[in-house]
Amino acid sequence: MLKHVTFLGATAVAAVLSTGAIAQDVTADTVVATVGDTEITMGEIIIARTQLPQQYAQFPVDVLFDGLVDQLIQQQLLADEAGETSKRVEYTLNNERRALMAAGVITEIAETSVTEADVQAAYDARFADAEEIQEFNAAHLLVETQEEADAAKARIDDGAAFADVARDVSTGPTGPNGGNLGWFAPGAMVPEFEQAVSALEVGGVTEPFETQFGWHVATLLETRVQPRPTVDDLRPQIAQELQEAAITARLDELAAAQSVTKPEPGQFDPALIDATNLLD
């Protein structure tokens, strides 16, 4: 944005405003520059600054100030050249004004509708009746045929370490590390595998069973209860949910207090949303 401005004439304005005595009296309504009869205020400069892309944060403020003044001057010169406001611009300004005012109300609701007590209460309610979720740490070996699985199980029953047998015969990617799958929660594995492992006691070994991947023998190494997220973990998510609920409730209140009409079904052709020729 700023790279298109010419930085003409703003330095003198900046010098005047940078003096201590005057700077103390500057308000958002202070006139920074004029174009004909049109005044450009400090408030407009500040708003223009807030709309700059993040990469402009690296520029010194005096460079930004000069550039923004020149930018608004140039925009006003071009706007004056355009003459009367076109319908397209009027519709755009109406939408932008509506969106800006709505955003301000949404921000106010979001900032005032949720307290820490609300977040804590929602967190407590979420886990009040929540069941503990058991996680499993298991290992397995994978082979192509039942005969191979039976032979591997026989070796384990005869005293061979499960991990050693898995390293010897497993065709799965976990074979080199003894078949260890690490921790997983319900739903992470195919149903046949989860059912076989969840039926074991720690240290137990399944009989050979088949899944879509081949024939398995599995052992359960450990179990634990899935750690429950803390209120700090979920605070942003819960706060957002409560804010959205507050905004929706406020919208319902406002709609109930107003006379709102909507198009009847079929009243307008939906394809008209692309009829930009209507704006000319």
C-alpha atoms as a PDB file:
ATOM      1  CA  MET A   1       0.000   0.000   0.000  1.00  0.00           C
ATOM      2  CA  LEU A   2       2.546   2.581   1.107  1.00  0.00           C
ATOM      3  CA  LYS A   3       4.943   1.824  -1.716  1.00  0.00           C
ATOM      4  CA  HIS A   4       2.627   3.654  -4.149  1.00  0.00           C
ATOM      5  CA  VAL A   5       2.702   6.996  -2.331  1.00  0.00           C
ATOM      6  CA  THR A   6       5.067   9.800  -3.266  1.00  0.00           C
ATOM      7  CA  PHE A   7       5.762  11.229   0.223  1.00  0.00           C
ATOM      8  CA  LEU A   8       5.117  14.782  -0.955  1.00  0.00           C
ATOM      9  CA  GLY A   9       4.673  17.531   1.574  1.00  0.00           C
ATOM     10  CA  ALA A  10       3.997  15.509   4.697  1.00  0.00           C
ATOM     11  CA  THR A  11       7.327  16.184   6.391  1.00  0.00           C
ATOM     12  CA  ALA A  12       6.369  19.702   7.361  1.00  0.00           C
ATOM     13  CA  VAL A  13       3.113  18.513   8.901  1.00  0.00           C
ATOM     14  CA  ALA A  14       4.969  15.851  10.852  1.00  0.00           C
ATOM     15  CA  ALA A  15       7.457  18.408  12.128  1.00  0.00           C
ATOM     16  CA  VAL A  16       4.702  20.664  13.462  1.00  0.00           C
ATOM     17  CA  LEU A  17       2.855  17.820  15.155  1.00  0.00           C
ATOM     18  CA  SER A  18       6.039  16.437  16.718  1.00  0.00           C
ATOM     19  CA  THR A  19       6.649  19.542  18.836  1.00  0.00           C
ATOM     20  CA  GLY A  20       5.863  18.867  22.465  1.00  0.00           C
ATOM     21  CA  ALA A  21       3.434  21.744  23.017  1.00  0.00           C
ATOM     22  CA  ILE A  22       1.205  20.944  20.081  1.00  0.00           C
ATOM     23  CA  ALA A  23       1.394  17.163  20.364  1.00  0.00           C
ATOM     24  CA  GLN A  24      -0.171  17.357  23.821  1.00  0.00           C
ATOM     25  CA  ASP A  25      -3.298  18.951  22.348  1.00  0.00           C
ATOM     26  CA  VAL A  26      -3.743  16.581  19.400  1.00  0.00           C
ATOM     27  CA  THR A  27      -7.017  14.655  19.306  1.00  0.00           C
ATOM     28  CA  ALA A  28      -8.575  12.318  16.760  1.00  0.00           C
ATOM     29  CA  ASP A  29     -10.366  15.364  15.296  1.00  0.00           C
ATOM     30  CA  THR A  30      -7.167  17.363  14.806  1.00  0.00           C
ATOM     31  CA  VAL A  31      -6.783  18.310  11.140  1.00  0.00           C
ATOM     32  CA  VAL A  32      -3.529  16.945   9.756  1.00  0.00           C
ATOM     33  CA  ALA A  33      -3.911  17.938   6.100  1.00  0.00           C
ATOM     34  CA  THR A  34      -6.471  19.377   3.698  1.00  0.00           C
ATOM     35  CA  VAL A  35      -7.374  18.767   0.084  1.00  0.00           C
ATOM     36  CA  GLY A  36      -9.484  21.677  -1.106  1.00  0.00           C
ATOM     37  CA  ASP A  37     -12.289  21.904   1.433  1.00  0.00           C
ATOM     38  CA  THR A  38     -11.799  18.334   2.667  1.00  0.00           C
ATOM     39  CA  GLU A  39     -10.053  17.831   5.989  1.00  0.00           C
ATOM     40  CA  ILE A  40      -7.942  14.778   6.795  1.00  0.00           C
ATOM     41  CA  THR A  41      -7.865  14.159  10.528  1.00  0.00           C
ATOM     42  CA  MET A  42      -5.545  12.410  12.913  1.00  0.00           C
ATOM     43  CA  GLY A  43      -8.274   9.845  13.523  1.00  0.00           C
ATOM     44  CA  GLU A  44      -8.261   8.929   9.844  1.00  0.00           C
ATOM     45  CA  ILE A  45      -4.482   8.582   9.924  1.00  0.00           C
ATOM     46  CA  ILE A  46      -4.724   6.266  12.933  1.00  0.00           C
ATOM     47  CA  ILE A  47      -7.379   4.108  11.291  1.00  0.00           C
ATOM     48  CA  ALA A  48      -5.290   3.892   8.118  1.00  0.00           C
ATOM     49  CA  ARG A  49      -2.359   2.746  10.266  1.00  0.00           C
ATOM     50  CA  THR A  50      -4.403  -0.065  11.817  1.00  0.00           C
ATOM     51  CA  GLN A  51      -5.264  -1.336   8.346  1.00  0.00           C
ATOM     52  CA  LEU A  52      -1.673  -1.675   7.152  1.00  0.00           C
ATOM     53  CA  PRO A  53      -0.333  -5.217   6.581  1.00  0.00           C
ATOM     54  CA  GLN A  54       1.871  -6.615   9.332  1.00  0.00           C
ATOM     55  CA  GLN A  55       5.078  -6.170   7.314  1.00  0.00           C
ATOM     56  CA  TYR A  56       4.819  -2.404   7.722  1.00  0.00           C
ATOM     57  CA  ALA A  57       5.491  -2.766  11.456  1.00  0.00           C
ATOM     58  CA  GLN A  58       9.218  -2.714  10.659  1.00  0.00           C
ATOM     59  CA  PHE A  59       9.044   0.862   9.321  1.00  0.00           C
ATOM     60  CA  PRO A  60       9.900   3.792  11.613  1.00  0.00           C
ATOM     61  CA  VAL A  61       6.822   5.727  12.735  1.00  0.00           C
ATOM     62  CA  ASP A  62       7.949   8.926  11.006  1.00  0.00           C
ATOM     63  CA  VAL A  63       8.143   7.092   7.684  1.00  0.00           C
ATOM     64  CA  LEU A  64       4.725   5.558   8.282  1.00  0.00           C
ATOM     65  CA  PHE A  65       3.234   8.893   9.251  1.00  0.00           C
ATOM     66  CA  ASP A  66       4.551  10.654   6.167  1.00  0.00           C
ATOM     67  CA  GLY A  67       3.455   7.839   3.918  1.00  0.00           C
ATOM     68  CA  LEU A  68      -0.040   7.646   5.378  1.00  0.00           C
ATOM     69  CA  VAL A  69      -0.572  11.398   5.077  1.00  0.00           C
ATOM     70  CA  ASP A  70       0.474  11.332   1.432  1.00  0.00           C
ATOM     71  CA  GLN A  71      -1.606   8.254   0.778  1.00  0.00           C
ATOM     72  CA  LEU A  72      -4.785   9.831   2.136  1.00  0.00           C
ATOM     73  CA  ILE A  73      -4.080  13.062   0.260  1.00  0.00           C
ATOM     74  CA  GLN A  74      -3.642  11.191  -2.988  1.00  0.00           C
ATOM     75  CA  GLN A  75      -6.758   9.115  -2.372  1.00  0.00           C
ATOM     76  CA  GLN A  76      -8.752  12.293  -1.737  1.00  0.00           C
ATOM     77  CA  LEU A  77      -7.424  13.888  -4.933  1.00  0.00           C
ATOM     78  CA  LEU A  78      -8.527  10.848  -6.897  1.00  0.00           C
ATOM     79  CA  ALA A  79     -11.849  10.674  -5.075  1.00  0.00           C
ATOM     80  CA  ASP A  80     -12.553  14.306  -5.938  1.00  0.00           C
ATOM     81  CA  GLU A  81     -11.752  13.521  -9.562  1.00  0.00           C
ATOM     82  CA  ALA A  82     -14.330  10.723  -9.514  1.00  0.00           C
ATOM     83  CA  GLY A  83     -17.129  13.232  -8.978  1.00  0.00           C
ATOM     84  CA  GLU A  84     -20.414  11.944  -7.600  1.00  0.00           C
ATOM     85  CA  THR A  85     -20.403   8.730  -5.604  1.00  0.00           C
ATOM     86  CA  SER A  86     -21.409   5.813  -7.802  1.00  0.00           C
ATOM     87  CA  LYS A  87     -24.070   3.328  -6.782  1.00  0.00           C
ATOM     88  CA  ARG A  88     -21.418   0.634  -6.607  1.00  0.00           C
ATOM     89  CA  VAL A  89     -19.440   2.680  -4.082  1.00  0.00           C
ATOM     90  CA  GLU A  90     -22.577   3.517  -2.088  1.00  0.00           C
ATOM     91  CA  TYR A  91     -23.506  -0.161  -1.786  1.00  0.00           C
ATOM     92  CA  THR A  92     -19.935  -0.986  -0.785  1.00  0.00           C
ATOM     93  CA  LEU A  93     -19.870   1.761   1.845  1.00  0.00           C
ATOM     94  CA  ASN A  94     -23.234   0.617   3.218  1.00  0.00           C
ATOM     95  CA  ASN A  95     -21.940  -2.940   3.590  1.00  0.00           C
ATOM     96  CA  GLU A  96     -18.660  -1.834   5.154  1.00  0.00           C
ATOM     97  CA  ARG A  97     -20.394   0.496   7.605  1.00  0.00           C
ATOM     98  CA  ARG A  98     -22.816  -2.285   8.567  1.00  0.00           C
ATOM     99  CA  ALA A  99     -19.978  -4.776   8.997  1.00  0.00           C
ATOM    100  CA  LEU A 100     -17.834  -2.400  11.060  1.00  0.00           C
ATOM    101  CA  MET A 101     -20.671  -1.486  13.402  1.00  0.00           C
ATOM    102  CA  ALA A 102     -21.690  -5.132  13.792  1.00  0.00           C
ATOM    103  CA  ALA A 103     -18.079  -6.104  14.510  1.00  0.00           C
ATOM    104  CA  GLY A 104     -17.941  -3.503  17.271  1.00  0.00           C
ATOM    105  CA  VAL A 105     -21.024  -4.956  18.957  1.00  0.00           C
ATOM    106  CA  ILE A 106     -19.685  -8.493  18.583  1.00  0.00           C
ATOM    107  CA  THR A 107     -16.413  -7.455  20.191  1.00  0.00           C
ATOM    108  CA  GLU A 108     -18.269  -5.855  23.086  1.00  0.00           C
ATOM    109  CA  ILE A 109     -20.381  -8.968  23.645  1.00  0.00           C
ATOM    110  CA  ALA A 110     -17.337 -11.226  23.441  1.00  0.00           C
ATOM    111  CA  GLU A 111     -15.375  -9.118  25.927  1.00  0.00           C
ATOM    112  CA  THR A 112     -18.160  -8.707  28.483  1.00  0.00           C
ATOM    113  CA  SER A 113     -20.241 -11.879  28.287  1.00  0.00           C
ATOM    114  CA  VAL A 114     -17.771 -14.468  29.585  1.00  0.00           C
ATOM    115  CA  THR A 115     -16.161 -14.512  33.008  1.00  0.00           C
ATOM    116  CA  GLU A 116     -13.633 -16.902  34.492  1.00  0.00           C
ATOM    117  CA  ALA A 117     -16.447 -18.338  36.609  1.00  0.00           C
ATOM    118  CA  ASP A 118     -18.415 -19.056  33.421  1.00  0.00           C
ATOM    119  CA  VAL A 119     -15.442 -20.892  31.919  1.00  0.00           C
ATOM    120  CA  GLN A 120     -14.929 -22.945  35.094  1.00  0.00           C
ATOM    121  CA  ALA A 121     -18.623 -23.815  35.283  1.00  0.00           C
ATOM    122  CA  ALA A 122     -18.678 -24.934  31.644  1.00  0.00           C
ATOM    123  CA  TYR A 123     -15.531 -27.011  32.211  1.00  0.00           C
ATOM    124  CA  ASP A 124     -17.021 -28.676  35.302  1.00  0.00           C
ATOM    125  CA  ALA A 125     -20.256 -29.419  33.457  1.00  0.00           C
ATOM    126  CA  ARG A 126     -18.390 -30.924  30.516  1.00  0.00           C
ATOM    127  CA  PHE A 127     -16.626 -33.489  32.698  1.00  0.00           C
ATOM    128  CA  ALA A 128     -19.230 -33.972  35.435  1.00  0.00           C
ATOM    129  CA  ASP A 129     -20.497 -37.256  33.973  1.00  0.00           C
ATOM    130  CA  ALA A 130     -17.548 -38.037  31.719  1.00  0.00           C
ATOM    131  CA  GLU A 131     -16.328 -41.609  31.897  1.00  0.00           C
ATOM    132  CA  GLU A 132     -12.663 -42.368  32.229  1.00  0.00           C
ATOM    133  CA  ILE A 133     -11.087 -43.428  28.930  1.00  0.00           C
ATOM    134  CA  GLN A 134      -8.615 -46.281  29.140  1.00  0.00           C
ATOM    135  CA  GLU A 135      -5.579 -46.211  26.845  1.00  0.00           C
ATOM    136  CA  PHE A 136      -3.507 -49.200  25.826  1.00  0.00           C
ATOM    137  CA  ASN A 137       0.179 -49.768  25.232  1.00  0.00           C
ATOM    138  CA  ALA A 138       0.477 -52.910  23.133  1.00  0.00           C
ATOM    139  CA  ALA A 139       2.788 -54.776  20.795  1.00  0.00           C
ATOM    140  CA  HIS A 140       1.945 -57.125  17.932  1.00  0.00           C
ATOM    141  CA  LEU A 141       3.422 -59.198  15.186  1.00  0.00           C
ATOM    142  CA  LEU A 142       1.935 -59.378  11.705  1.00  0.00           C
ATOM    143  CA  VAL A 143       2.274 -62.266   9.266  1.00  0.00           C
ATOM    144  CA  GLU A 144       0.497 -63.358   6.101  1.00  0.00           C
ATOM    145  CA  THR A 145      -0.974 -66.715   7.098  1.00  0.00           C
ATOM    146  CA  GLN A 146      -2.605 -68.350  10.084  1.00  0.00           C
ATOM    147  CA  GLU A 147       0.046 -71.059  10.030  1.00  0.00           C
ATOM    148  CA  GLU A 148       2.782 -68.455  10.504  1.00  0.00           C
ATOM    149  CA  ALA A 149       0.805 -66.809  13.314  1.00  0.00           C
ATOM    150  CA  ASP A 150       0.260 -70.173  15.040  1.00  0.00           C
ATOM    151  CA  ALA A 151       3.968 -70.905  14.832  1.00  0.00           C
ATOM    152  CA  ALA A 152       4.875 -67.516  16.308  1.00  0.00           C
ATOM    153  CA  LYS A 153       2.363 -67.976  19.131  1.00  0.00           C
ATOM    154  CA  ALA A 154       3.823 -71.407  19.886  1.00  0.00           C
ATOM    155  CA  ARG A 155       7.300 -69.890  20.242  1.00  0.00           C
ATOM    156  CA  ILE A 156       5.950 -67.293  22.696  1.00  0.00           C
ATOM    157  CA  ASP A 157       4.090 -69.973  24.676  1.00  0.00           C
ATOM    158  CA  ASP A 158       7.351 -71.912  24.897  1.00  0.00           C
ATOM    159  CA  GLY A 159       9.032 -68.940  26.594  1.00  0.00           C
ATOM    160  CA  ALA A 160      10.443 -66.827  23.764  1.00  0.00           C
ATOM    161  CA  ALA A 161      10.220 -63.098  24.367  1.00  0.00           C
ATOM    162  CA  PHE A 162       7.381 -61.541  22.397  1.00  0.00           C
ATOM    163  CA  ALA A 163       9.642 -58.739  21.131  1.00  0.00           C
ATOM    164  CA  ASP A 164      12.239 -61.235  19.846  1.00  0.00           C
ATOM    165  CA  VAL A 165       9.621 -63.223  17.947  1.00  0.00           C
ATOM    166  CA  ALA A 166       8.170 -60.056  16.475  1.00  0.00           C
ATOM    167  CA  ARG A 167      11.604 -58.990  15.266  1.00  0.00           C
ATOM    168  CA  ASP A 168      12.109 -62.374  13.646  1.00  0.00           C
ATOM    169  CA  VAL A 169       8.805 -62.833  11.823  1.00  0.00           C
ATOM    170  CA  SER A 170       6.684 -59.671  11.733  1.00  0.00           C
ATOM    171  CA  THR A 171       6.169 -58.097   8.326  1.00  0.00           C
ATOM    172  CA  GLY A 172       4.669 -54.928   9.782  1.00  0.00           C
ATOM    173  CA  PRO A 173       6.580 -51.639  10.165  1.00  0.00           C
ATOM    174  CA  THR A 174       6.834 -52.118  13.944  1.00  0.00           C
ATOM    175  CA  GLY A 175       8.657 -55.443  13.601  1.00  0.00           C
ATOM    176  CA  PRO A 176      12.181 -54.011  14.001  1.00  0.00           C
ATOM    177  CA  ASN A 177      11.250 -52.467  17.387  1.00  0.00           C
ATOM    178  CA  GLY A 178       9.702 -55.649  18.730  1.00  0.00           C
ATOM    179  CA  GLY A 179       6.215 -54.854  17.478  1.00  0.00           C
ATOM    180  CA  ASN A 180       5.673 -52.034  19.963  1.00  0.00           C
ATOM    181  CA  LEU A 181       2.719 -49.854  18.930  1.00  0.00           C
ATOM    182  CA  GLY A 182       2.973 -47.311  21.747  1.00  0.00           C
ATOM    183  CA  TRP A 183      -0.064 -45.824  23.453  1.00  0.00           C
ATOM    184  CA  PHE A 184      -3.409 -45.651  21.689  1.00  0.00           C
ATOM    185  CA  ALA A 185      -6.969 -44.817  22.686  1.00  0.00           C
ATOM    186  CA  PRO A 186     -10.212 -46.614  21.774  1.00  0.00           C
ATOM    187  CA  GLY A 187     -11.054 -46.069  18.120  1.00  0.00           C
ATOM    188  CA  ALA A 188      -7.456 -45.741  16.977  1.00  0.00           C
ATOM    189  CA  MET A 189      -7.176 -49.334  15.760  1.00  0.00           C
ATOM    190  CA  VAL A 190      -9.370 -51.495  13.554  1.00  0.00           C
ATOM    191  CA  PRO A 191     -12.213 -53.071  15.580  1.00  0.00           C
ATOM    192  CA  GLU A 192     -10.833 -56.637  15.490  1.00  0.00           C
ATOM    193  CA  PHE A 193      -7.488 -55.520  16.868  1.00  0.00           C
ATOM    194  CA  GLU A 194      -8.973 -53.296  19.557  1.00  0.00           C
ATOM    195  CA  GLN A 195     -11.360 -56.036  20.683  1.00  0.00           C
ATOM    196  CA  ALA A 196      -8.559 -58.580  20.978  1.00  0.00           C
ATOM    197  CA  VAL A 197      -6.229 -56.282  22.926  1.00  0.00           C
ATOM    198  CA  SER A 198      -8.883 -54.821  25.243  1.00  0.00           C
ATOM    199  CA  ALA A 199      -9.843 -58.345  26.342  1.00  0.00           C
ATOM    200  CA  LEU A 200      -6.321 -59.024  27.659  1.00  0.00           C
ATOM    201  CA  GLU A 201      -4.852 -58.594  31.095  1.00  0.00           C
ATOM    202  CA  VAL A 202      -1.504 -56.795  31.210  1.00  0.00           C
ATOM    203  CA  GLY A 203       1.131 -59.285  30.060  1.00  0.00           C
ATOM    204  CA  GLY A 204      -1.391 -61.479  28.266  1.00  0.00           C
ATOM    205  CA  VAL A 205      -1.000 -62.647  24.681  1.00  0.00           C
ATOM    206  CA  THR A 206      -3.834 -63.150  22.213  1.00  0.00           C
ATOM    207  CA  GLU A 207      -4.500 -66.167  20.090  1.00  0.00           C
ATOM    208  CA  PRO A 208      -3.823 -65.502  16.403  1.00  0.00           C
ATOM    209  CA  PHE A 209      -6.538 -63.357  14.840  1.00  0.00           C
ATOM    210  CA  GLU A 210      -7.131 -61.876  11.411  1.00  0.00           C
ATOM    211  CA  THR A 211      -7.723 -58.303  10.263  1.00  0.00           C
ATOM    212  CA  GLN A 212      -7.698 -56.675   6.854  1.00  0.00           C
ATOM    213  CA  PHE A 213      -3.902 -56.387   7.175  1.00  0.00           C
ATOM    214  CA  GLY A 214      -3.162 -60.074   7.819  1.00  0.00           C
ATOM    215  CA  TRP A 215      -2.758 -62.350  10.827  1.00  0.00           C
ATOM    216  CA  HIS A 216      -1.771 -60.924  14.207  1.00  0.00           C
ATOM    217  CA  VAL A 217      -0.608 -61.998  17.601  1.00  0.00           C
ATOM    218  CA  ALA A 218      -0.724 -59.186  20.167  1.00  0.00           C
ATOM    219  CA  THR A 219       0.275 -58.561  23.753  1.00  0.00           C
ATOM    220  CA  LEU A 220      -0.874 -55.923  26.209  1.00  0.00           C
ATOM    221  CA  LEU A 221       2.064 -54.131  27.820  1.00  0.00           C
ATOM    222  CA  GLU A 222       0.370 -51.464  29.949  1.00  0.00           C
ATOM    223  CA  THR A 223      -2.882 -49.606  30.479  1.00  0.00           C
ATOM    224  CA  ARG A 224      -3.591 -46.152  31.813  1.00  0.00           C
ATOM    225  CA  VAL A 225      -6.453 -43.707  32.154  1.00  0.00           C
ATOM    226  CA  GLN A 226      -6.325 -41.048  29.447  1.00  0.00           C
ATOM    227  CA  PRO A 227      -5.185 -37.790  31.051  1.00  0.00           C
ATOM    228  CA  ARG A 228      -8.042 -35.326  31.310  1.00  0.00           C
ATOM    229  CA  PRO A 229      -7.347 -31.861  29.842  1.00  0.00           C
ATOM    230  CA  THR A 230      -7.150 -29.117  32.428  1.00  0.00           C
ATOM    231  CA  VAL A 231      -9.287 -25.990  32.458  1.00  0.00           C
ATOM    232  CA  ASP A 232      -6.227 -24.086  31.242  1.00  0.00           C
ATOM    233  CA  ASP A 233      -5.933 -26.445  28.282  1.00  0.00           C
ATOM    234  CA  LEU A 234      -9.543 -25.862  27.269  1.00  0.00           C
ATOM    235  CA  ARG A 235      -9.973 -22.228  28.313  1.00  0.00           C
ATOM    236  CA  PRO A 236      -9.632 -20.729  24.795  1.00  0.00           C
ATOM    237  CA  GLN A 237     -12.023 -23.284  23.294  1.00  0.00           C
ATOM    238  CA  ILE A 238     -14.600 -22.957  26.072  1.00  0.00           C
ATOM    239  CA  ALA A 239     -14.406 -19.158  26.050  1.00  0.00           C
ATOM    240  CA  GLN A 240     -14.978 -19.103  22.293  1.00  0.00           C
ATOM    241  CA  GLU A 241     -17.965 -21.425  22.602  1.00  0.00           C
ATOM    242  CA  LEU A 242     -19.494 -19.289  25.348  1.00  0.00           C
ATOM    243  CA  GLN A 243     -18.883 -16.113  23.361  1.00  0.00           C
ATOM    244  CA  GLU A 244     -20.521 -17.588  20.277  1.00  0.00           C
ATOM    245  CA  ALA A 245     -23.484 -18.688  22.373  1.00  0.00           C
ATOM    246  CA  ALA A 246     -23.781 -15.187  23.864  1.00  0.00           C
ATOM    247  CA  ILE A 247     -23.658 -13.599  20.399  1.00  0.00           C
ATOM    248  CA  THR A 248     -26.309 -15.991  19.098  1.00  0.00           C
ATOM    249  CA  ALA A 249     -28.534 -15.286  22.100  1.00  0.00           C
ATOM    250  CA  ARG A 250     -28.143 -11.545  21.605  1.00  0.00           C
ATOM    251  CA  LEU A 251     -28.995 -11.866  17.918  1.00  0.00           C
ATOM    252  CA  ASP A 252     -32.129 -13.808  18.813  1.00  0.00           C
ATOM    253  CA  GLU A 253     -33.134 -11.065  21.241  1.00  0.00           C
ATOM    254  CA  LEU A 254     -32.542  -8.343  18.674  1.00  0.00           C
ATOM    255  CA  ALA A 255     -34.427 -10.223  15.967  1.00  0.00           C
ATOM    256  CA  ALA A 256     -37.373 -10.784  18.300  1.00  0.00           C
ATOM    257  CA  ALA A 257     -37.510  -7.057  19.089  1.00  0.00           C
ATOM    258  CA  GLN A 258     -37.389  -5.963  15.435  1.00  0.00           C
ATOM    259  CA  SER A 259     -39.602  -6.407  12.421  1.00  0.00           C
ATOM    260  CA  VAL A 260     -37.477  -8.559  10.114  1.00  0.00           C
ATOM    261  CA  THR A 261     -38.583  -9.690   6.663  1.00  0.00           C
ATOM    262  CA  LYS A 262     -36.871 -12.156   4.356  1.00  0.00           C
ATOM    263  CA  PRO A 263     -37.490 -13.076   0.721  1.00  0.00           C
ATOM    264  CA  GLU A 264     -40.232 -15.584   0.042  1.00  0.00           C
ATOM    265  CA  PRO A 265     -39.034 -18.890  -1.461  1.00  0.00           C
ATOM    266  CA  GLY A 266     -38.624 -18.401  -5.192  1.00  0.00           C
ATOM    267  CA  GLN A 267     -39.122 -14.644  -4.999  1.00  0.00           C
ATOM    268  CA  PHE A 268     -35.610 -13.983  -6.351  1.00  0.00           C
ATOM    269  CA  ASP A 269     -33.385 -15.969  -8.652  1.00  0.00           C
ATOM    270  CA  PRO A 270     -30.338 -16.984  -6.532  1.00  0.00           C
ATOM    271  CA  ALA A 271     -28.129 -16.468  -9.602  1.00  0.00           C
ATOM    272  CA  LEU A 272     -28.702 -12.721  -9.225  1.00  0.00           C
ATOM    273  CA  ILE A 273     -25.891 -12.609  -6.658  1.00  0.00           C
ATOM    274  CA  ASP A 274     -23.508 -12.633  -9.647  1.00  0.00           C
ATOM    275  CA  ALA A 275     -25.388  -9.956 -11.622  1.00  0.00           C
ATOM    276  CA  THR A 276     -22.772  -7.220 -11.164  1.00  0.00           C
ATOM    277  CA  ASN A 277     -24.241  -5.422 -14.175  1.00  0.00           C
ATOM    278  CA  LEU A 278     -27.077  -4.295 -11.890  1.00  0.00           C
ATOM    279  CA  LEU A 279     -24.571  -2.094 -10.066  1.00  0.00           C
ATOM    280  CA  ASP A 280     -23.793  -0.002 -13.158  1.00  0.00           C
END
